[in-house]
Amino acid sequence: MPGVDTHKETHAAAVITTLGAALDGTQLPGATEGCGQLLSWARSFGTLRRSGVECTGSNDTALTRCLRAEGIEVTEVNQPDKARQQQGQ
């Protein structure tokens, strides 16, 4: 399962096994340009069934659409509340 941290220009992705072991990480072009590259890269590790994508508004929209069009289940992952982290909560 790839996890993707979306940004305007690039996406950072990591492939994680069903047991939670990280296999590899990469940085790819953002938006639609990077979707095909992400799919090829992630599928080189095996069957791709689901992906976690960080919700950052418009940065993840094209990627989420692309993954879903390929039949991949997408789970949107929220960022932790930074204010709460700084307070130690």
PDB file of N, CA and C in Angstrom:
ATOM      1  N   MET A   1       0.843  -1.171   0.000  1.00  0.00           N
ATOM      2  CA  MET A   1       0.000   0.000   0.000  1.00  0.00           C
ATOM      3  C   MET A   1       0.890   1.236   0.000  1.00  0.00           C
ATOM      4  N   PRO A   2       0.725   2.116  -0.975  1.00  0.00           N
ATOM      5  CA  PRO A   2       1.479   3.354  -0.912  1.00  0.00           C
ATOM      6  C   PRO A   2       0.752   4.377  -0.043  1.00  0.00           C
ATOM      7  N   GLY A   3       1.519   5.119   0.683  1.00  0.00           N
ATOM      8  CA  GLY A   3       1.009   6.277   1.390  1.00  0.00           C
ATOM      9  C   GLY A   3       1.588   7.484   0.692  1.00  0.00           C
ATOM     10  N   VAL A   4       0.772   8.518   0.460  1.00  0.00           N
ATOM     11  CA  VAL A   4       1.231   9.655  -0.316  1.00  0.00           C
ATOM     12  C   VAL A   4       1.001  10.940   0.453  1.00  0.00           C
ATOM     13  N   ASP A   5       2.062  11.735   0.594  1.00  0.00           N
ATOM     14  CA  ASP A   5       2.013  13.062   1.183  1.00  0.00           C
ATOM     15  C   ASP A   5       2.006  14.028   0.007  1.00  0.00           C
ATOM     16  N   THR A   6       0.867  14.673  -0.239  1.00  0.00           N
ATOM     17  CA  THR A   6       0.711  15.500  -1.428  1.00  0.00           C
ATOM     18  C   THR A   6       1.171  16.932  -1.202  1.00  0.00           C
ATOM     19  N   HIS A   7       1.783  17.479  -2.226  1.00  0.00           N
ATOM     20  CA  HIS A   7       2.229  18.872  -2.241  1.00  0.00           C
ATOM     21  C   HIS A   7       1.899  19.444  -3.613  1.00  0.00           C
ATOM     22  N   LYS A   8       2.037  20.742  -3.781  1.00  0.00           N
ATOM     23  CA  LYS A   8       1.684  21.383  -5.044  1.00  0.00           C
ATOM     24  C   LYS A   8       2.536  20.877  -6.210  1.00  0.00           C
ATOM     25  N   GLU A   9       3.843  20.817  -6.044  1.00  0.00           N
ATOM     26  CA  GLU A   9       4.748  20.453  -7.132  1.00  0.00           C
ATOM     27  C   GLU A   9       5.127  18.974  -7.147  1.00  0.00           C
ATOM     28  N   THR A  10       5.192  18.350  -5.988  1.00  0.00           N
ATOM     29  CA  THR A  10       5.617  16.952  -5.895  1.00  0.00           C
ATOM     30  C   THR A  10       4.770  16.205  -4.864  1.00  0.00           C
ATOM     31  N   HIS A  11       4.819  14.896  -4.957  1.00  0.00           N
ATOM     32  CA  HIS A  11       4.201  14.023  -3.952  1.00  0.00           C
ATOM     33  C   HIS A  11       5.293  13.106  -3.415  1.00  0.00           C
ATOM     34  N   ALA A  12       5.339  12.947  -2.103  1.00  0.00           N
ATOM     35  CA  ALA A  12       6.247  11.989  -1.476  1.00  0.00           C
ATOM     36  C   ALA A  12       5.441  10.729  -1.192  1.00  0.00           C
ATOM     37  N   ALA A  13       5.950   9.580  -1.619  1.00  0.00           N
ATOM     38  CA  ALA A  13       5.211   8.328  -1.469  1.00  0.00           C
ATOM     39  C   ALA A  13       6.076   7.269  -0.799  1.00  0.00           C
ATOM     40  N   ALA A  14       5.423   6.384  -0.071  1.00  0.00           N
ATOM     41  CA  ALA A  14       6.100   5.252   0.557  1.00  0.00           C
ATOM     42  C   ALA A  14       5.233   4.017   0.364  1.00  0.00           C
ATOM     43  N   VAL A  15       5.871   2.876   0.128  1.00  0.00           N
ATOM     44  CA  VAL A  15       5.146   1.606   0.028  1.00  0.00           C
ATOM     45  C   VAL A  15       5.313   0.880   1.355  1.00  0.00           C
ATOM     46  N   ILE A  16       4.166   0.447   1.900  1.00  0.00           N
ATOM     47  CA  ILE A  16       4.133  -0.212   3.204  1.00  0.00           C
ATOM     48  C   ILE A  16       3.403  -1.537   3.042  1.00  0.00           C
ATOM     49  N   THR A  17       3.940  -2.598   3.626  1.00  0.00           N
ATOM     50  CA  THR A  17       3.294  -3.909   3.546  1.00  0.00           C
ATOM     51  C   THR A  17       2.050  -3.946   4.427  1.00  0.00           C
ATOM     52  N   THR A  18       1.259  -4.996   4.287  1.00  0.00           N
ATOM     53  CA  THR A  18       0.066  -5.150   5.121  1.00  0.00           C
ATOM     54  C   THR A  18       0.429  -5.306   6.599  1.00  0.00           C
ATOM     55  N   LEU A  19       1.678  -5.662   6.887  1.00  0.00           N
ATOM     56  CA  LEU A  19       2.136  -5.775   8.276  1.00  0.00           C
ATOM     57  C   LEU A  19       2.765  -4.488   8.784  1.00  0.00           C
ATOM     58  N   GLY A  20       2.812  -3.446   7.949  1.00  0.00           N
ATOM     59  CA  GLY A  20       3.324  -2.147   8.377  1.00  0.00           C
ATOM     60  C   GLY A  20       4.797  -1.914   8.129  1.00  0.00           C
ATOM     61  N   ALA A  21       5.479  -2.821   7.442  1.00  0.00           N
ATOM     62  CA  ALA A  21       6.908  -2.635   7.149  1.00  0.00           C
ATOM     63  C   ALA A  21       7.070  -1.727   5.930  1.00  0.00           C
ATOM     64  N   ALA A  22       7.918  -0.706   6.054  1.00  0.00           N
ATOM     65  CA  ALA A  22       8.193   0.193   4.931  1.00  0.00           C
ATOM     66  C   ALA A  22       9.144  -0.499   3.959  1.00  0.00           C
ATOM     67  N   LEU A  23       8.768  -0.542   2.676  1.00  0.00           N
ATOM     68  CA  LEU A  23       9.596  -1.181   1.659  1.00  0.00           C
ATOM     69  C   LEU A  23      10.466  -0.185   0.907  1.00  0.00           C
ATOM     70  N   ASP A  24       9.916   0.997   0.601  1.00  0.00           N
ATOM     71  CA  ASP A  24      10.654   1.981  -0.188  1.00  0.00           C
ATOM     72  C   ASP A  24       9.910   3.309  -0.149  1.00  0.00           C
ATOM     73  N   GLY A  25      10.592   4.361  -0.532  1.00  0.00           N
ATOM     74  CA  GLY A  25       9.998   5.683  -0.629  1.00  0.00           C
ATOM     75  C   GLY A  25      10.526   6.395  -1.857  1.00  0.00           C
ATOM     76  N   THR A  26       9.762   7.365  -2.355  1.00  0.00           N
ATOM     77  CA  THR A  26      10.175   8.113  -3.531  1.00  0.00           C
ATOM     78  C   THR A  26       9.470   9.459  -3.559  1.00  0.00           C
ATOM     79  N   GLN A  27       9.931  10.326  -4.432  1.00  0.00           N
ATOM     80  CA  GLN A  27       9.293  11.610  -4.664  1.00  0.00           C
ATOM     81  C   GLN A  27       8.962  11.679  -6.152  1.00  0.00           C
ATOM     82  N   LEU A  28       7.716  12.051  -6.464  1.00  0.00           N
ATOM     83  CA  LEU A  28       7.224  12.065  -7.832  1.00  0.00           C
ATOM     84  C   LEU A  28       6.595  13.411  -8.146  1.00  0.00           C
ATOM     85  N   PRO A  29       6.432  13.726  -9.452  1.00  0.00           N
ATOM     86  CA  PRO A  29       5.743  14.964  -9.811  1.00  0.00           C
ATOM     87  C   PRO A  29       4.329  14.972  -9.240  1.00  0.00           C
ATOM     88  N   GLY A  30       3.828  16.141  -8.906  1.00  0.00           N
ATOM     89  CA  GLY A  30       2.486  16.261  -8.356  1.00  0.00           C
ATOM     90  C   GLY A  30       1.405  16.161  -9.407  1.00  0.00           C
ATOM     91  N   ALA A  31       0.163  16.204  -8.953  1.00  0.00           N
ATOM     92  CA  ALA A  31      -1.038  16.197  -9.783  1.00  0.00           C
ATOM     93  C   ALA A  31      -1.075  15.009 -10.734  1.00  0.00           C
ATOM     94  N   THR A  32      -1.681  15.189 -11.876  1.00  0.00           N
ATOM     95  CA  THR A  32      -1.904  14.099 -12.825  1.00  0.00           C
ATOM     96  C   THR A  32      -0.603  13.545 -13.378  1.00  0.00           C
ATOM     97  N   GLU A  33       0.390  14.394 -13.577  1.00  0.00           N
ATOM     98  CA  GLU A  33       1.660  13.944 -14.165  1.00  0.00           C
ATOM     99  C   GLU A  33       2.283  12.798 -13.372  1.00  0.00           C
ATOM    100  N   GLY A  34       2.168  12.855 -12.079  1.00  0.00           N
ATOM    101  CA  GLY A  34       2.809  11.851 -11.237  1.00  0.00           C
ATOM    102  C   GLY A  34       2.003  10.595 -11.012  1.00  0.00           C
ATOM    103  N   CYS A  35       0.723  10.588 -11.366  1.00  0.00           N
ATOM    104  CA  CYS A  35      -0.118   9.427 -11.055  1.00  0.00           C
ATOM    105  C   CYS A  35       0.355   8.175 -11.778  1.00  0.00           C
ATOM    106  N   GLY A  36       0.629   8.280 -13.055  1.00  0.00           N
ATOM    107  CA  GLY A  36       1.102   7.115 -13.800  1.00  0.00           C
ATOM    108  C   GLY A  36       2.422   6.599 -13.262  1.00  0.00           C
ATOM    109  N   GLN A  37       3.313   7.527 -12.910  1.00  0.00           N
ATOM    110  CA  GLN A  37       4.601   7.133 -12.337  1.00  0.00           C
ATOM    111  C   GLN A  37       4.406   6.473 -10.980  1.00  0.00           C
ATOM    112  N   LEU A  38       3.503   7.032 -10.174  1.00  0.00           N
ATOM    113  CA  LEU A  38       3.218   6.453  -8.862  1.00  0.00           C
ATOM    114  C   LEU A  38       2.676   5.030  -9.011  1.00  0.00           C
ATOM    115  N   LEU A  39       1.730   4.845  -9.927  1.00  0.00           N
ATOM    116  CA  LEU A  39       1.149   3.522 -10.139  1.00  0.00           C
ATOM    117  C   LEU A  39       2.204   2.517 -10.577  1.00  0.00           C
ATOM    118  N   SER A  40       3.030   2.887 -11.533  1.00  0.00           N
ATOM    119  CA  SER A  40       4.084   1.973 -12.010  1.00  0.00           C
ATOM    120  C   SER A  40       5.045   1.618 -10.887  1.00  0.00           C
ATOM    121  N   TRP A  41       5.468   2.624 -10.147  1.00  0.00           N
ATOM    122  CA  TRP A  41       6.418   2.414  -9.051  1.00  0.00           C
ATOM    123  C   TRP A  41       5.801   1.517  -7.981  1.00  0.00           C
ATOM    124  N   ALA A  42       4.588   1.853  -7.523  1.00  0.00           N
ATOM    125  CA  ALA A  42       3.955   1.093  -6.443  1.00  0.00           C
ATOM    126  C   ALA A  42       3.655  -0.344  -6.874  1.00  0.00           C
ATOM    127  N   ARG A  43       3.229  -0.517  -8.122  1.00  0.00           N
ATOM    128  CA  ARG A  43       2.908  -1.861  -8.606  1.00  0.00           C
ATOM    129  C   ARG A  43       4.148  -2.729  -8.794  1.00  0.00           C
ATOM    130  N   SER A  44       5.307  -2.124  -8.839  1.00  0.00           N
ATOM    131  CA  SER A  44       6.531  -2.927  -8.954  1.00  0.00           C
ATOM    132  C   SER A  44       6.781  -3.739  -7.675  1.00  0.00           C
ATOM    133  N   PHE A  45       6.064  -3.424  -6.606  1.00  0.00           N
ATOM    134  CA  PHE A  45       6.186  -4.152  -5.342  1.00  0.00           C
ATOM    135  C   PHE A  45       5.118  -5.232  -5.191  1.00  0.00           C
ATOM    136  N   GLY A  46       4.154  -5.272  -6.109  1.00  0.00           N
ATOM    137  CA  GLY A  46       3.092  -6.259  -6.046  1.00  0.00           C
ATOM    138  C   GLY A  46       1.748  -5.647  -6.378  1.00  0.00           C
ATOM    139  N   THR A  47       0.700  -6.363  -6.036  1.00  0.00           N
ATOM    140  CA  THR A  47      -0.656  -5.918  -6.336  1.00  0.00           C
ATOM    141  C   THR A  47      -1.006  -4.705  -5.486  1.00  0.00           C
ATOM    142  N   LEU A  48      -1.565  -3.701  -6.133  1.00  0.00           N
ATOM    143  CA  LEU A  48      -1.944  -2.460  -5.456  1.00  0.00           C
ATOM    144  C   LEU A  48      -3.454  -2.442  -5.286  1.00  0.00           C
ATOM    145  N   ARG A  49      -3.903  -2.501  -4.033  1.00  0.00           N
ATOM    146  CA  ARG A  49      -5.343  -2.538  -3.757  1.00  0.00           C
ATOM    147  C   ARG A  49      -5.852  -1.264  -3.092  1.00  0.00           C
ATOM    148  N   ARG A  50      -5.009  -0.649  -2.278  1.00  0.00           N
ATOM    149  CA  ARG A  50      -5.445   0.544  -1.542  1.00  0.00           C
ATOM    150  C   ARG A  50      -4.278   1.492  -1.343  1.00  0.00           C
ATOM    151  N   SER A  51      -4.629   2.749  -1.087  1.00  0.00           N
ATOM    152  CA  SER A  51      -3.622   3.779  -0.862  1.00  0.00           C
ATOM    153  C   SER A  51      -4.128   4.770   0.169  1.00  0.00           C
ATOM    154  N   GLY A  52      -3.230   5.279   0.977  1.00  0.00           N
ATOM    155  CA  GLY A  52      -3.542   6.366   1.892  1.00  0.00           C
ATOM    156  C   GLY A  52      -3.022   7.652   1.283  1.00  0.00           C
ATOM    157  N   VAL A  53      -3.854   8.676   1.247  1.00  0.00           N
ATOM    158  CA  VAL A  53      -3.465   9.961   0.671  1.00  0.00           C
ATOM    159  C   VAL A  53      -3.755  11.045   1.695  1.00  0.00           C
ATOM    160  N   GLU A  54      -2.732  11.849   1.988  1.00  0.00           N
ATOM    161  CA  GLU A  54      -2.908  12.937   2.935  1.00  0.00           C
ATOM    162  C   GLU A  54      -3.861  13.977   2.359  1.00  0.00           C
ATOM    163  N   CYS A  55      -4.857  14.363   3.135  1.00  0.00           N
ATOM    164  CA  CYS A  55      -5.834  15.364   2.690  1.00  0.00           C
ATOM    165  C   CYS A  55      -5.226  16.755   2.824  1.00  0.00           C
ATOM    166  N   THR A  56      -4.995  17.388   1.707  1.00  0.00           N
ATOM    167  CA  THR A  56      -4.471  18.749   1.742  1.00  0.00           C
ATOM    168  C   THR A  56      -5.277  19.637   0.804  1.00  0.00           C
ATOM    169  N   GLY A  57      -6.520  19.292   0.585  1.00  0.00           N
ATOM    170  CA  GLY A  57      -7.351  20.099  -0.302  1.00  0.00           C
ATOM    171  C   GLY A  57      -7.092  19.776  -1.755  1.00  0.00           C
ATOM    172  N   SER A  58      -6.853  20.809  -2.542  1.00  0.00           N
ATOM    173  CA  SER A  58      -6.741  20.634  -3.990  1.00  0.00           C
ATOM    174  C   SER A  58      -5.518  19.832  -4.416  1.00  0.00           C
ATOM    175  N   ASN A  59      -4.476  19.748  -3.583  1.00  0.00           N
ATOM    176  CA  ASN A  59      -3.265  19.024  -3.966  1.00  0.00           C
ATOM    177  C   ASN A  59      -3.504  17.534  -4.145  1.00  0.00           C
ATOM    178  N   ASP A  60      -4.478  16.979  -3.444  1.00  0.00           N
ATOM    179  CA  ASP A  60      -4.692  15.533  -3.532  1.00  0.00           C
ATOM    180  C   ASP A  60      -5.836  15.134  -4.452  1.00  0.00           C
ATOM    181  N   THR A  61      -6.593  16.089  -4.967  1.00  0.00           N
ATOM    182  CA  THR A  61      -7.790  15.779  -5.751  1.00  0.00           C
ATOM    183  C   THR A  61      -7.486  14.978  -7.004  1.00  0.00           C
ATOM    184  N   ALA A  62      -6.551  15.448  -7.832  1.00  0.00           N
ATOM    185  CA  ALA A  62      -6.239  14.751  -9.087  1.00  0.00           C
ATOM    186  C   ALA A  62      -5.683  13.362  -8.813  1.00  0.00           C
ATOM    187  N   LEU A  63      -4.823  13.251  -7.813  1.00  0.00           N
ATOM    188  CA  LEU A  63      -4.240  11.955  -7.478  1.00  0.00           C
ATOM    189  C   LEU A  63      -5.321  10.983  -7.001  1.00  0.00           C
ATOM    190  N   THR A  64      -6.201  11.442  -6.138  1.00  0.00           N
ATOM    191  CA  THR A  64      -7.274  10.595  -5.627  1.00  0.00           C
ATOM    192  C   THR A  64      -8.173  10.120  -6.765  1.00  0.00           C
ATOM    193  N   ARG A  65      -8.533  11.011  -7.674  1.00  0.00           N
ATOM    194  CA  ARG A  65      -9.357  10.630  -8.827  1.00  0.00           C
ATOM    195  C   ARG A  65      -8.655   9.579  -9.677  1.00  0.00           C
ATOM    196  N   CYS A  66      -7.385   9.798  -9.935  1.00  0.00           N
ATOM    197  CA  CYS A  66      -6.610   8.877 -10.758  1.00  0.00           C
ATOM    198  C   CYS A  66      -6.554   7.490 -10.121  1.00  0.00           C
ATOM    199  N   LEU A  67      -6.261   7.422  -8.835  1.00  0.00           N
ATOM    200  CA  LEU A  67      -6.177   6.141  -8.143  1.00  0.00           C
ATOM    201  C   LEU A  67      -7.522   5.422  -8.145  1.00  0.00           C
ATOM    202  N   ARG A  68      -8.588   6.149  -7.866  1.00  0.00           N
ATOM    203  CA  ARG A  68      -9.922   5.539  -7.850  1.00  0.00           C
ATOM    204  C   ARG A  68     -10.325   5.058  -9.239  1.00  0.00           C
ATOM    205  N   ALA A  69      -9.938   5.790 -10.280  1.00  0.00           N
ATOM    206  CA  ALA A  69     -10.236   5.363 -11.656  1.00  0.00           C
ATOM    207  C   ALA A  69      -9.553   4.039 -11.986  1.00  0.00           C
ATOM    208  N   GLU A  70      -8.462   3.736 -11.287  1.00  0.00           N
ATOM    209  CA  GLU A  70      -7.734   2.477 -11.471  1.00  0.00           C
ATOM    210  C   GLU A  70      -8.267   1.364 -10.563  1.00  0.00           C
ATOM    211  N   GLY A  71      -9.356   1.654  -9.830  1.00  0.00           N
ATOM    212  CA  GLY A  71      -9.953   0.653  -8.952  1.00  0.00           C
ATOM    213  C   GLY A  71      -9.256   0.515  -7.612  1.00  0.00           C
ATOM    214  N   ILE A  72      -8.474   1.519  -7.248  1.00  0.00           N
ATOM    215  CA  ILE A  72      -7.724   1.477  -5.987  1.00  0.00           C
ATOM    216  C   ILE A  72      -8.526   2.192  -4.903  1.00  0.00           C
ATOM    217  N   GLU A  73      -8.701   1.533  -3.781  1.00  0.00           N
ATOM    218  CA  GLU A  73      -9.394   2.129  -2.637  1.00  0.00           C
ATOM    219  C   GLU A  73      -8.495   3.205  -2.037  1.00  0.00           C
ATOM    220  N   VAL A  74      -9.028   4.412  -1.876  1.00  0.00           N
ATOM    221  CA  VAL A  74      -8.246   5.519  -1.336  1.00  0.00           C
ATOM    222  C   VAL A  74      -8.790   5.900   0.037  1.00  0.00           C
ATOM    223  N   THR A  75      -7.900   5.914   1.020  1.00  0.00           N
ATOM    224  CA  THR A  75      -8.233   6.369   2.360  1.00  0.00           C
ATOM    225  C   THR A  75      -7.590   7.724   2.560  1.00  0.00           C
ATOM    226  N   GLU A  76      -8.404   8.721   2.880  1.00  0.00           N
ATOM    227  CA  GLU A  76      -7.862  10.052   3.128  1.00  0.00           C
ATOM    228  C   GLU A  76      -7.338  10.104   4.554  1.00  0.00           C
ATOM    229  N   VAL A  77      -6.110  10.583   4.702  1.00  0.00           N
ATOM    230  CA  VAL A  77      -5.426  10.629   5.986  1.00  0.00           C
ATOM    231  C   VAL A  77      -5.301  12.080   6.411  1.00  0.00           C
ATOM    232  N   ASN A  78      -5.822  12.407   7.572  1.00  0.00           N
ATOM    233  CA  ASN A  78      -5.730  13.776   8.083  1.00  0.00           C
ATOM    234  C   ASN A  78      -4.398  14.006   8.777  1.00  0.00           C
ATOM    235  N   GLN A  79      -3.890  15.227   8.649  1.00  0.00           N
ATOM    236  CA  GLN A  79      -2.676  15.600   9.367  1.00  0.00           C
ATOM    237  C   GLN A  79      -3.011  15.749  10.848  1.00  0.00           C
ATOM    238  N   PRO A  80      -2.041  15.415  11.710  1.00  0.00           N
ATOM    239  CA  PRO A  80      -2.263  15.651  13.142  1.00  0.00           C
ATOM    240  C   PRO A  80      -2.408  17.155  13.404  1.00  0.00           C
ATOM    241  N   ASP A  81      -3.142  17.505  14.436  1.00  0.00           N
ATOM    242  CA  ASP A  81      -3.300  18.899  14.832  1.00  0.00           C
ATOM    243  C   ASP A  81      -1.969  19.395  15.398  1.00  0.00           C
ATOM    244  N   LYS A  82      -1.304  20.286  14.672  1.00  0.00           N
ATOM    245  CA  LYS A  82       0.028  20.757  15.079  1.00  0.00           C
ATOM    246  C   LYS A  82      -0.004  21.536  16.391  1.00  0.00           C
ATOM    247  N   ALA A  83      -1.073  22.271  16.630  1.00  0.00           N
ATOM    248  CA  ALA A  83      -1.184  23.029  17.882  1.00  0.00           C
ATOM    249  C   ALA A  83      -1.243  22.079  19.066  1.00  0.00           C
ATOM    250  N   ARG A  84      -1.972  20.974  18.930  1.00  0.00           N
ATOM    251  CA  ARG A  84      -2.071  19.997  20.018  1.00  0.00           C
ATOM    252  C   ARG A  84      -0.739  19.287  20.235  1.00  0.00           C
ATOM    253  N   GLN A  85      -0.004  19.010  19.152  1.00  0.00           N
ATOM    254  CA  GLN A  85       1.297  18.357  19.279  1.00  0.00           C
ATOM    255  C   GLN A  85       2.265  19.262  20.038  1.00  0.00           C
ATOM    256  N   GLN A  86       2.251  20.546  19.763  1.00  0.00           N
ATOM    257  CA  GLN A  86       3.160  21.472  20.421  1.00  0.00           C
ATOM    258  C   GLN A  86       2.836  21.616  21.896  1.00  0.00           C
ATOM    259  N   GLN A  87       1.592  21.404  22.269  1.00  0.00           N
ATOM    260  CA  GLN A  87       1.188  21.485  23.663  1.00  0.00           C
ATOM    261  C   GLN A  87       1.458  20.168  24.402  1.00  0.00           C
ATOM    262  N   GLY A  88       1.894  19.157  23.669  1.00  0.00           N
ATOM    263  CA  GLY A  88       2.173  17.872  24.285  1.00  0.00           C
ATOM    264  C   GLY A  88       0.947  17.021  24.530  1.00  0.00           C
ATOM    265  N   GLN A  89      -0.126  17.273  23.808  1.00  0.00           N
ATOM    266  CA  GLN A  89      -1.357  16.500  23.989  1.00  0.00           C
ATOM    267  C   GLN A  89      -1.474  15.430  22.960  1.00  0.00           C
TER     268      GLN A  89
END
